[in-house]
Amino acid sequence: MKTLQISRRQALITGAAAGAALFVGTGRNALAATELVWSTWETNGREDLVTDFEKETGNHIRQAFLSNEDAQFAALKTGAAKDWDIVNPALNGAQRYISSNVLKPLDLSKMPNLAHMYPDFQAIDRVKGADGKTYMIPYLWGLNPIVYRTDKIAGVPTYSTLFDEKYKGKIAMRDYPLESVAIAGLHLGVPRDKVFSMTDAELAEAKKVLIAQKPLLRTYWSTIGDLVNLFATDEVELAFCWRVPYDALHDKKPVAMAKPAAGIFGWCDCFGIPASLPDDKYEAALAFGNYLLGPEYAKRIAIEQNYATTTDVVRADLTKEQQAAIFIDDLAVMKSFMWPVAPPNYSAWVKLWNEVKAA
């Protein structure tokens, strides 16, 4: 819990100095009006989710929606994303961002809502660099289930169901090597605590089953909206994905979410500031990061998007049903997730995945 280098007392003092405000920069005169470009997922960055921040500070948030995590990292590393002011790195790839020097260290004293972060997230150390500084803040999390049609799929699916010829033409997999190669490993019986450090021999077997799976697939999905449409039109009946298709269709189609016993993929989005950010935007960017940890964003995204933030600022205000919808009714779930970690040989995983798709 010392990972983020800010105590509850320190944060509360900072908060009090801000006039009991729940985020930095309260009032239109606190920071000069600034436009910030936020690189994030379309589900995280709806314009109406940030209007409270804009009204309070006078700043404007403009979204640049992501297509995938690797593209975001590549854009930062090559300098192709100089207009981005705030980025959304995934926790699983934290160290590649930090070791590549594409992020600024964060001044945690300007983020008082860190005092409300769940201990399991405060204890995460992969957001720190070798210099001891913090470069990323976890702010949003959940699980990635198997979404399926209960009237079409026999029983509750496991990862092996995604490789079952019985459902040929009705299966979708995400076009992302970190998860899809790991799923192949779990299907083959690799333990959850070993799946992100598979041996060359295990990776070779994973490649074989992924190539064998390819003719069974309706598609590799990259855009969640496209996958929702495929479920809606009955073209897909089974997919490893985010929970979005379930939320969009559960009152229209007989869909459910499966959480395989082999391991539940947890996901966690982080707040980060590119190293290229001009100094005169730094405090405004920190204020927005603090907003993402605060009650306005937390309540809206919990009720409207079924996502949980990493702080407990609104947990007591939610009904038991609302807590259950975002998996915070029983906080022990945080210890059962399988947090994906980009392995040291991730380039080999990417090469394997490209070879599978080209097969």
Foldseek 3Di string as FASTA:
>chain_A
DCQQVAALVLLVVLCVVCVVDLFPQFAQPSAPAEEAEEEEAPLQCDLVLCVVVCVGHVYHYHYDYDLDQVVVLVCLLVVVPLRHFKYKHWPQEQQVCVVSQFFDFADCSNQSLVSQFDPVQSPDNSQADPVSTGFKHWWWKAFFFKKFFPVQDPDFDALLVLLDLVQAQAEEEALDLLPLLLSLLVNVPDALVCSLPDDPVSSVSSLVSLLSSVRRYNYHDRRVVVVLVCVVVSRHGIYGGHCVSCVVDVVPGRMDTHQHPSFIEMITIIMGGTPSNDPSCRSVSSRVNSVSSEDSSQVCCLVPVVIHTRGCRCVVVDDCVSCVSHVNNPVCVVVRHRYGHNDPVNVVSVVSSVVSVVD
